[in-house]
Amino acid sequence: MEDDLFSLVNLRDMEVIDINTGTKLGFIKDLKINCDEHRIISIVLPSQTTKMSLFSKNEDVEVPWEDIKKIGVDVILIDGKKLSEKD
């Protein structure tokens, strides 16, 4: 059972990769947690856009927990089909 447990620090150090395209999406910026049900709802990744402005809103990317397909030793594989549909 211990092998299936990950600390938040370890998760944040793992690179997130889309299994459909092989695109590296970055590292986990934040987690959304349902405190009543004690479960992770989604992971939040930094915006993929390179444009940054003092007054612009940074659009982070939210990945539902259901779209995470595999958590490996040093990477997290996700199904990013829904992410590409939003563009």
PDB file of N, CA and C in Angstrom:
ATOM      1  N   MET A   1       0.821  -1.199   0.000  1.00  0.00           N
ATOM      2  CA  MET A   1       0.000   0.000   0.000  1.00  0.00           C
ATOM      3  C   MET A   1       0.863   1.260   0.000  1.00  0.00           C
ATOM      4  N   GLU A   2       1.982   1.238   0.708  1.00  0.00           N
ATOM      5  CA  GLU A   2       2.860   2.403   0.774  1.00  0.00           C
ATOM      6  C   GLU A   2       3.375   2.811  -0.596  1.00  0.00           C
ATOM      7  N   ASP A   3       3.523   1.852  -1.517  1.00  0.00           N
ATOM      8  CA  ASP A   3       4.030   2.155  -2.849  1.00  0.00           C
ATOM      9  C   ASP A   3       3.053   2.994  -3.659  1.00  0.00           C
ATOM     10  N   ASP A   4       1.771   2.978  -3.296  1.00  0.00           N
ATOM     11  CA  ASP A   4       0.746   3.718  -4.014  1.00  0.00           C
ATOM     12  C   ASP A   4       0.539   5.130  -3.473  1.00  0.00           C
ATOM     13  N   LEU A   5       1.287   5.522  -2.463  1.00  0.00           N
ATOM     14  CA  LEU A   5       1.107   6.827  -1.838  1.00  0.00           C
ATOM     15  C   LEU A   5       2.162   7.809  -2.337  1.00  0.00           C
ATOM     16  N   PHE A   6       1.720   9.047  -2.582  1.00  0.00           N
ATOM     17  CA  PHE A   6       2.620  10.110  -3.032  1.00  0.00           C
ATOM     18  C   PHE A   6       2.409  11.326  -2.150  1.00  0.00           C
ATOM     19  N   SER A   7       3.482  11.994  -1.792  1.00  0.00           N
ATOM     20  CA  SER A   7       3.349  13.242  -1.048  1.00  0.00           C
ATOM     21  C   SER A   7       3.080  14.374  -2.039  1.00  0.00           C
ATOM     22  N   LEU A   8       2.533  15.473  -1.552  1.00  0.00           N
ATOM     23  CA  LEU A   8       2.280  16.627  -2.410  1.00  0.00           C
ATOM     24  C   LEU A   8       3.571  17.159  -3.013  1.00  0.00           C
ATOM     25  N   VAL A   9       4.634  17.136  -2.256  1.00  0.00           N
ATOM     26  CA  VAL A   9       5.927  17.610  -2.759  1.00  0.00           C
ATOM     27  C   VAL A   9       6.380  16.741  -3.933  1.00  0.00           C
ATOM     28  N   ASN A  10       6.221  15.428  -3.811  1.00  0.00           N
ATOM     29  CA  ASN A  10       6.608  14.530  -4.898  1.00  0.00           C
ATOM     30  C   ASN A  10       5.751  14.769  -6.133  1.00  0.00           C
ATOM     31  N   LEU A  11       4.448  14.963  -5.965  1.00  0.00           N
ATOM     32  CA  LEU A  11       3.572  15.213  -7.107  1.00  0.00           C
ATOM     33  C   LEU A  11       3.963  16.495  -7.832  1.00  0.00           C
ATOM     34  N   ARG A  12       4.316  17.523  -7.084  1.00  0.00           N
ATOM     35  CA  ARG A  12       4.670  18.809  -7.699  1.00  0.00           C
ATOM     36  C   ARG A  12       5.978  18.732  -8.473  1.00  0.00           C
ATOM     37  N   ASP A  13       6.812  17.761  -8.165  1.00  0.00           N
ATOM     38  CA  ASP A  13       8.087  17.600  -8.863  1.00  0.00           C
ATOM     39  C   ASP A  13       7.973  16.742 -10.119  1.00  0.00           C
ATOM     40  N   MET A  14       6.791  16.183 -10.370  1.00  0.00           N
ATOM     41  CA  MET A  14       6.592  15.318 -11.539  1.00  0.00           C
ATOM     42  C   MET A  14       6.077  16.144 -12.716  1.00  0.00           C
ATOM     43  N   GLU A  15       6.655  15.907 -13.884  1.00  0.00           N
ATOM     44  CA  GLU A  15       6.213  16.611 -15.085  1.00  0.00           C
ATOM     45  C   GLU A  15       4.929  15.966 -15.603  1.00  0.00           C
ATOM     46  N   VAL A  16       3.993  16.808 -16.058  1.00  0.00           N
ATOM     47  CA  VAL A  16       2.715  16.338 -16.591  1.00  0.00           C
ATOM     48  C   VAL A  16       2.828  16.263 -18.112  1.00  0.00           C
ATOM     49  N   ILE A  17       2.460  15.102 -18.674  1.00  0.00           N
ATOM     50  CA  ILE A  17       2.579  14.866 -20.108  1.00  0.00           C
ATOM     51  C   ILE A  17       1.244  14.365 -20.653  1.00  0.00           C
ATOM     52  N   ASP A  18       0.835  14.905 -21.808  1.00  0.00           N
ATOM     53  CA  ASP A  18      -0.382  14.472 -22.499  1.00  0.00           C
ATOM     54  C   ASP A  18      -0.064  13.196 -23.265  1.00  0.00           C
ATOM     55  N   ILE A  19      -0.790  12.108 -22.980  1.00  0.00           N
ATOM     56  CA  ILE A  19      -0.503  10.819 -23.627  1.00  0.00           C
ATOM     57  C   ILE A  19      -0.894  10.820 -25.105  1.00  0.00           C
ATOM     58  N   ASN A  20      -1.774  11.722 -25.518  1.00  0.00           N
ATOM     59  CA  ASN A  20      -2.219  11.755 -26.910  1.00  0.00           C
ATOM     60  C   ASN A  20      -1.195  12.404 -27.836  1.00  0.00           C
ATOM     61  N   THR A  21      -0.538  13.445 -27.358  1.00  0.00           N
ATOM     62  CA  THR A  21       0.375  14.204 -28.206  1.00  0.00           C
ATOM     63  C   THR A  21       1.830  14.119 -27.754  1.00  0.00           C
ATOM     64  N   GLY A  22       2.063  13.666 -26.547  1.00  0.00           N
ATOM     65  CA  GLY A  22       3.415  13.644 -26.006  1.00  0.00           C
ATOM     66  C   GLY A  22       3.889  15.004 -25.533  1.00  0.00           C
ATOM     67  N   THR A  23       2.980  15.973 -25.517  1.00  0.00           N
ATOM     68  CA  THR A  23       3.314  17.337 -25.117  1.00  0.00           C
ATOM     69  C   THR A  23       3.593  17.416 -23.625  1.00  0.00           C
ATOM     70  N   LYS A  24       4.683  18.078 -23.289  1.00  0.00           N
ATOM     71  CA  LYS A  24       4.998  18.350 -21.886  1.00  0.00           C
ATOM     72  C   LYS A  24       4.211  19.577 -21.460  1.00  0.00           C
ATOM     73  N   LEU A  25       3.352  19.412 -20.475  1.00  0.00           N
ATOM     74  CA  LEU A  25       2.466  20.494 -20.048  1.00  0.00           C
ATOM     75  C   LEU A  25       3.002  21.260 -18.848  1.00  0.00           C
ATOM     76  N   GLY A  26       4.069  20.795 -18.258  1.00  0.00           N
ATOM     77  CA  GLY A  26       4.654  21.501 -17.123  1.00  0.00           C
ATOM     78  C   GLY A  26       4.489  20.723 -15.831  1.00  0.00           C
ATOM     79  N   PHE A  27       4.573  21.453 -14.742  1.00  0.00           N
ATOM     80  CA  PHE A  27       4.508  20.853 -13.408  1.00  0.00           C
ATOM     81  C   PHE A  27       3.267  21.361 -12.688  1.00  0.00           C
ATOM     82  N   ILE A  28       2.775  20.575 -11.753  1.00  0.00           N
ATOM     83  CA  ILE A  28       1.576  20.934 -11.002  1.00  0.00           C
ATOM     84  C   ILE A  28       1.821  22.230 -10.235  1.00  0.00           C
ATOM     85  N   LYS A  29       0.916  23.177 -10.421  1.00  0.00           N
ATOM     86  CA  LYS A  29       0.981  24.456  -9.723  1.00  0.00           C
ATOM     87  C   LYS A  29       0.154  24.408  -8.444  1.00  0.00           C
ATOM     88  N   ASP A  30      -0.987  23.693  -8.522  1.00  0.00           N
ATOM     89  CA  ASP A  30      -1.906  23.664  -7.388  1.00  0.00           C
ATOM     90  C   ASP A  30      -2.816  22.452  -7.523  1.00  0.00           C
ATOM     91  N   LEU A  31      -3.549  22.163  -6.470  1.00  0.00           N
ATOM     92  CA  LEU A  31      -4.543  21.094  -6.465  1.00  0.00           C
ATOM     93  C   LEU A  31      -5.872  21.666  -5.994  1.00  0.00           C
ATOM     94  N   LYS A  32      -6.970  21.162  -6.547  1.00  0.00           N
ATOM     95  CA  LYS A  32      -8.296  21.480  -6.021  1.00  0.00           C
ATOM     96  C   LYS A  32      -8.768  20.242  -5.278  1.00  0.00           C
ATOM     97  N   ILE A  33      -9.150  20.437  -4.027  1.00  0.00           N
ATOM     98  CA  ILE A  33      -9.506  19.325  -3.154  1.00  0.00           C
ATOM     99  C   ILE A  33     -10.913  19.520  -2.613  1.00  0.00           C
ATOM    100  N   ASN A  34     -11.697  18.447  -2.621  1.00  0.00           N
ATOM    101  CA  ASN A  34     -13.001  18.450  -1.987  1.00  0.00           C
ATOM    102  C   ASN A  34     -12.768  18.009  -0.550  1.00  0.00           C
ATOM    103  N   CYS A  35     -12.845  18.950   0.376  1.00  0.00           N
ATOM    104  CA  CYS A  35     -12.534  18.658   1.781  1.00  0.00           C
ATOM    105  C   CYS A  35     -13.605  17.792   2.439  1.00  0.00           C
ATOM    106  N   ASP A  36     -14.843  17.892   1.969  1.00  0.00           N
ATOM    107  CA  ASP A  36     -15.913  17.074   2.551  1.00  0.00           C
ATOM    108  C   ASP A  36     -15.744  15.602   2.203  1.00  0.00           C
ATOM    109  N   GLU A  37     -15.308  15.332   0.976  1.00  0.00           N
ATOM    110  CA  GLU A  37     -15.137  13.951   0.525  1.00  0.00           C
ATOM    111  C   GLU A  37     -13.692  13.468   0.637  1.00  0.00           C
ATOM    112  N   HIS A  38     -12.780  14.361   1.033  1.00  0.00           N
ATOM    113  CA  HIS A  38     -11.361  14.028   1.213  1.00  0.00           C
ATOM    114  C   HIS A  38     -10.742  13.443  -0.054  1.00  0.00           C
ATOM    115  N   ARG A  39     -10.952  14.152  -1.185  1.00  0.00           N
ATOM    116  CA  ARG A  39     -10.384  13.670  -2.448  1.00  0.00           C
ATOM    117  C   ARG A  39      -9.961  14.835  -3.330  1.00  0.00           C
ATOM    118  N   ILE A  40      -9.017  14.560  -4.215  1.00  0.00           N
ATOM    119  CA  ILE A  40      -8.546  15.563  -5.167  1.00  0.00           C
ATOM    120  C   ILE A  40      -9.536  15.636  -6.318  1.00  0.00           C
ATOM    121  N   ILE A  41      -9.963  16.847  -6.665  1.00  0.00           N
ATOM    122  CA  ILE A  41     -10.900  17.061  -7.767  1.00  0.00           C
ATOM    123  C   ILE A  41     -10.134  17.270  -9.073  1.00  0.00           C
ATOM    124  N   SER A  42      -9.075  18.078  -9.013  1.00  0.00           N
ATOM    125  CA  SER A  42      -8.313  18.380 -10.223  1.00  0.00           C
ATOM    126  C   SER A  42      -6.925  18.883  -9.857  1.00  0.00           C
ATOM    127  N   ILE A  43      -6.056  18.866 -10.881  1.00  0.00           N
ATOM    128  CA  ILE A  43      -4.743  19.487 -10.733  1.00  0.00           C
ATOM    129  C   ILE A  43      -4.741  20.754 -11.578  1.00  0.00           C
ATOM    130  N   VAL A  44      -3.966  21.731 -11.160  1.00  0.00           N
ATOM    131  CA  VAL A  44      -3.878  23.002 -11.868  1.00  0.00           C
ATOM    132  C   VAL A  44      -2.462  23.152 -12.388  1.00  0.00           C
ATOM    133  N   LEU A  45      -2.378  23.435 -13.701  1.00  0.00           N
ATOM    134  CA  LEU A  45      -1.089  23.631 -14.359  1.00  0.00           C
ATOM    135  C   LEU A  45      -0.956  25.088 -14.761  1.00  0.00           C
ATOM    136  N   PRO A  46       0.267  25.605 -14.835  1.00  0.00           N
ATOM    137  CA  PRO A  46       0.447  26.989 -15.289  1.00  0.00           C
ATOM    138  C   PRO A  46      -0.022  27.145 -16.731  1.00  0.00           C
ATOM    139  N   SER A  47      -0.393  28.352 -17.079  1.00  0.00           N
ATOM    140  CA  SER A  47      -0.833  28.672 -18.436  1.00  0.00           C
ATOM    141  C   SER A  47       0.231  28.285 -19.447  1.00  0.00           C
ATOM    142  N   GLN A  48      -0.198  27.831 -20.628  1.00  0.00           N
ATOM    143  CA  GLN A  48       0.731  27.445 -21.687  1.00  0.00           C
ATOM    144  C   GLN A  48       1.111  28.634 -22.570  1.00  0.00           C
ATOM    145  N   THR A  49       0.446  29.772 -22.382  1.00  0.00           N
ATOM    146  CA  THR A  49       0.759  30.940 -23.203  1.00  0.00           C
ATOM    147  C   THR A  49       2.014  31.606 -22.685  1.00  0.00           C
ATOM    148  N   THR A  50       2.776  32.182 -23.596  1.00  0.00           N
ATOM    149  CA  THR A  50       4.022  32.847 -23.214  1.00  0.00           C
ATOM    150  C   THR A  50       3.820  34.334 -22.982  1.00  0.00           C
ATOM    151  N   LYS A  51       2.677  34.864 -23.401  1.00  0.00           N
ATOM    152  CA  LYS A  51       2.426  36.289 -23.218  1.00  0.00           C
ATOM    153  C   LYS A  51       2.044  36.568 -21.768  1.00  0.00           C
ATOM    154  N   MET A  52       2.747  37.459 -21.152  1.00  0.00           N
ATOM    155  CA  MET A  52       2.436  37.875 -19.796  1.00  0.00           C
ATOM    156  C   MET A  52       2.401  39.391 -19.756  1.00  0.00           C
ATOM    157  N   SER A  53       1.410  39.911 -19.095  1.00  0.00           N
ATOM    158  CA  SER A  53       1.287  41.345 -18.949  1.00  0.00           C
ATOM    159  C   SER A  53       0.931  41.643 -17.504  1.00  0.00           C
ATOM    160  N   LEU A  54       1.243  42.830 -17.097  1.00  0.00           N
ATOM    161  CA  LEU A  54       0.946  43.233 -15.726  1.00  0.00           C
ATOM    162  C   LEU A  54      -0.552  43.212 -15.466  1.00  0.00           C
ATOM    163  N   PHE A  55      -1.354  43.526 -16.492  1.00  0.00           N
ATOM    164  CA  PHE A  55      -2.787  43.634 -16.306  1.00  0.00           C
ATOM    165  C   PHE A  55      -3.563  42.446 -16.864  1.00  0.00           C
ATOM    166  N   SER A  56      -2.891  41.502 -17.510  1.00  0.00           N
ATOM    167  CA  SER A  56      -3.610  40.369 -18.087  1.00  0.00           C
ATOM    168  C   SER A  56      -3.848  39.302 -17.029  1.00  0.00           C
ATOM    169  N   LYS A  57      -4.913  38.564 -17.217  1.00  0.00           N
ATOM    170  CA  LYS A  57      -5.255  37.477 -16.315  1.00  0.00           C
ATOM    171  C   LYS A  57      -4.533  36.218 -16.779  1.00  0.00           C
ATOM    172  N   ASN A  58      -3.837  35.584 -15.883  1.00  0.00           N
ATOM    173  CA  ASN A  58      -3.129  34.352 -16.217  1.00  0.00           C
ATOM    174  C   ASN A  58      -4.141  33.211 -16.217  1.00  0.00           C
ATOM    175  N   GLU A  59      -4.323  32.566 -17.357  1.00  0.00           N
ATOM    176  CA  GLU A  59      -5.284  31.481 -17.491  1.00  0.00           C
ATOM    177  C   GLU A  59      -4.603  30.147 -17.193  1.00  0.00           C
ATOM    178  N   ASP A  60      -4.764  29.667 -15.978  1.00  0.00           N
ATOM    179  CA  ASP A  60      -4.206  28.374 -15.629  1.00  0.00           C
ATOM    180  C   ASP A  60      -5.033  27.274 -16.289  1.00  0.00           C
ATOM    181  N   VAL A  61      -4.432  26.100 -16.409  1.00  0.00           N
ATOM    182  CA  VAL A  61      -5.087  24.954 -17.020  1.00  0.00           C
ATOM    183  C   VAL A  61      -5.491  23.990 -15.909  1.00  0.00           C
ATOM    184  N   GLU A  62      -6.781  23.662 -15.864  1.00  0.00           N
ATOM    185  CA  GLU A  62      -7.286  22.740 -14.851  1.00  0.00           C
ATOM    186  C   GLU A  62      -7.551  21.380 -15.495  1.00  0.00           C
ATOM    187  N   VAL A  63      -6.982  20.338 -14.915  1.00  0.00           N
ATOM    188  CA  VAL A  63      -7.131  18.979 -15.425  1.00  0.00           C
ATOM    189  C   VAL A  63      -7.914  18.162 -14.397  1.00  0.00           C
ATOM    190  N   PRO A  64      -9.105  17.680 -14.768  1.00  0.00           N
ATOM    191  CA  PRO A  64      -9.882  16.852 -13.826  1.00  0.00           C
ATOM    192  C   PRO A  64      -9.109  15.592 -13.435  1.00  0.00           C
ATOM    193  N   TRP A  65      -9.274  15.183 -12.205  1.00  0.00           N
ATOM    194  CA  TRP A  65      -8.567  14.009 -11.693  1.00  0.00           C
ATOM    195  C   TRP A  65      -8.869  12.771 -12.532  1.00  0.00           C
ATOM    196  N   GLU A  66     -10.066  12.687 -13.092  1.00  0.00           N
ATOM    197  CA  GLU A  66     -10.456  11.539 -13.916  1.00  0.00           C
ATOM    198  C   GLU A  66      -9.610  11.433 -15.187  1.00  0.00           C
ATOM    199  N   ASP A  67      -9.019  12.551 -15.631  1.00  0.00           N
ATOM    200  CA  ASP A  67      -8.199  12.546 -16.847  1.00  0.00           C
ATOM    201  C   ASP A  67      -6.759  12.118 -16.593  1.00  0.00           C
ATOM    202  N   ILE A  68      -6.402  11.895 -15.338  1.00  0.00           N
ATOM    203  CA  ILE A  68      -5.063  11.395 -15.020  1.00  0.00           C
ATOM    204  C   ILE A  68      -5.080   9.890 -15.230  1.00  0.00           C
ATOM    205  N   LYS A  69      -4.224   9.421 -16.134  1.00  0.00           N
ATOM    206  CA  LYS A  69      -4.218   8.006 -16.496  1.00  0.00           C
ATOM    207  C   LYS A  69      -3.182   7.195 -15.740  1.00  0.00           C
ATOM    208  N   LYS A  70      -2.043   7.817 -15.420  1.00  0.00           N
ATOM    209  CA  LYS A  70      -0.983   7.072 -14.738  1.00  0.00           C
ATOM    210  C   LYS A  70      -0.063   8.040 -14.011  1.00  0.00           C
ATOM    211  N   ILE A  71       0.276   7.702 -12.782  1.00  0.00           N
ATOM    212  CA  ILE A  71       1.289   8.445 -12.033  1.00  0.00           C
ATOM    213  C   ILE A  71       2.486   7.524 -11.917  1.00  0.00           C
ATOM    214  N   GLY A  72       3.571   7.915 -12.584  1.00  0.00           N
ATOM    215  CA  GLY A  72       4.772   7.096 -12.597  1.00  0.00           C
ATOM    216  C   GLY A  72       5.765   7.541 -11.554  1.00  0.00           C
ATOM    217  N   VAL A  73       7.009   7.156 -11.763  1.00  0.00           N
ATOM    218  CA  VAL A  73       8.072   7.501 -10.838  1.00  0.00           C
ATOM    219  C   VAL A  73       8.393   8.990 -10.906  1.00  0.00           C
ATOM    220  N   ASP A  74       8.435   9.544 -12.135  1.00  0.00           N
ATOM    221  CA  ASP A  74       8.799  10.957 -12.275  1.00  0.00           C
ATOM    222  C   ASP A  74       7.903  11.736 -13.236  1.00  0.00           C
ATOM    223  N   VAL A  75       6.838  11.117 -13.758  1.00  0.00           N
ATOM    224  CA  VAL A  75       5.902  11.820 -14.645  1.00  0.00           C
ATOM    225  C   VAL A  75       4.466  11.458 -14.301  1.00  0.00           C
ATOM    226  N   ILE A  76       3.562  12.349 -14.704  1.00  0.00           N
ATOM    227  CA  ILE A  76       2.127  12.116 -14.593  1.00  0.00           C
ATOM    228  C   ILE A  76       1.577  12.157 -16.009  1.00  0.00           C
ATOM    229  N   LEU A  77       0.933  11.072 -16.426  1.00  0.00           N
ATOM    230  CA  LEU A  77       0.371  10.990 -17.765  1.00  0.00           C
ATOM    231  C   LEU A  77      -1.121  11.306 -17.705  1.00  0.00           C
ATOM    232  N   ILE A  78      -1.552  12.243 -18.569  1.00  0.00           N
ATOM    233  CA  ILE A  78      -2.958  12.625 -18.591  1.00  0.00           C
ATOM    234  C   ILE A  78      -3.530  12.452 -19.997  1.00  0.00           C
ATOM    235  N   ASP A  79      -4.850  12.327 -20.064  1.00  0.00           N
ATOM    236  CA  ASP A  79      -5.562  12.343 -21.335  1.00  0.00           C
ATOM    237  C   ASP A  79      -5.972  13.789 -21.568  1.00  0.00           C
ATOM    238  N   GLY A  80      -5.268  14.469 -22.472  1.00  0.00           N
ATOM    239  CA  GLY A  80      -5.483  15.896 -22.687  1.00  0.00           C
ATOM    240  C   GLY A  80      -6.447  16.236 -23.805  1.00  0.00           C
ATOM    241  N   LYS A  81      -7.286  15.287 -24.243  1.00  0.00           N
ATOM    242  CA  LYS A  81      -8.233  15.566 -25.331  1.00  0.00           C
ATOM    243  C   LYS A  81      -9.129  16.755 -25.012  1.00  0.00           C
ATOM    244  N   LYS A  82      -9.625  16.825 -23.791  1.00  0.00           N
ATOM    245  CA  LYS A  82     -10.527  17.909 -23.393  1.00  0.00           C
ATOM    246  C   LYS A  82      -9.803  19.256 -23.377  1.00  0.00           C
ATOM    247  N   LEU A  83      -8.508  19.237 -23.099  1.00  0.00           N
ATOM    248  CA  LEU A  83      -7.742  20.482 -23.068  1.00  0.00           C
ATOM    249  C   LEU A  83      -7.625  21.071 -24.460  1.00  0.00           C
ATOM    250  N   SER A  84      -7.405  20.240 -25.461  1.00  0.00           N
ATOM    251  CA  SER A  84      -7.269  20.735 -26.834  1.00  0.00           C
ATOM    252  C   SER A  84      -8.616  21.174 -27.404  1.00  0.00           C
ATOM    253  N   GLU A  85      -9.718  20.635 -26.906  1.00  0.00           N
ATOM    254  CA  GLU A  85     -11.044  21.027 -27.366  1.00  0.00           C
ATOM    255  C   GLU A  85     -11.405  22.429 -26.905  1.00  0.00           C
ATOM    256  N   LYS A  86     -10.810  22.893 -25.804  1.00  0.00           N
ATOM    257  CA  LYS A  86     -11.124  24.226 -25.282  1.00  0.00           C
ATOM    258  C   LYS A  86     -10.507  25.342 -26.116  1.00  0.00           C
ATOM    259  N   ASP A  87      -9.443  25.035 -26.880  1.00  0.00           N
ATOM    260  CA  ASP A  87      -8.739  26.054 -27.662  1.00  0.00           C
ATOM    261  C   ASP A  87      -9.527  26.536 -28.833  1.00  0.00           C
TER     262      ASP A  87
END
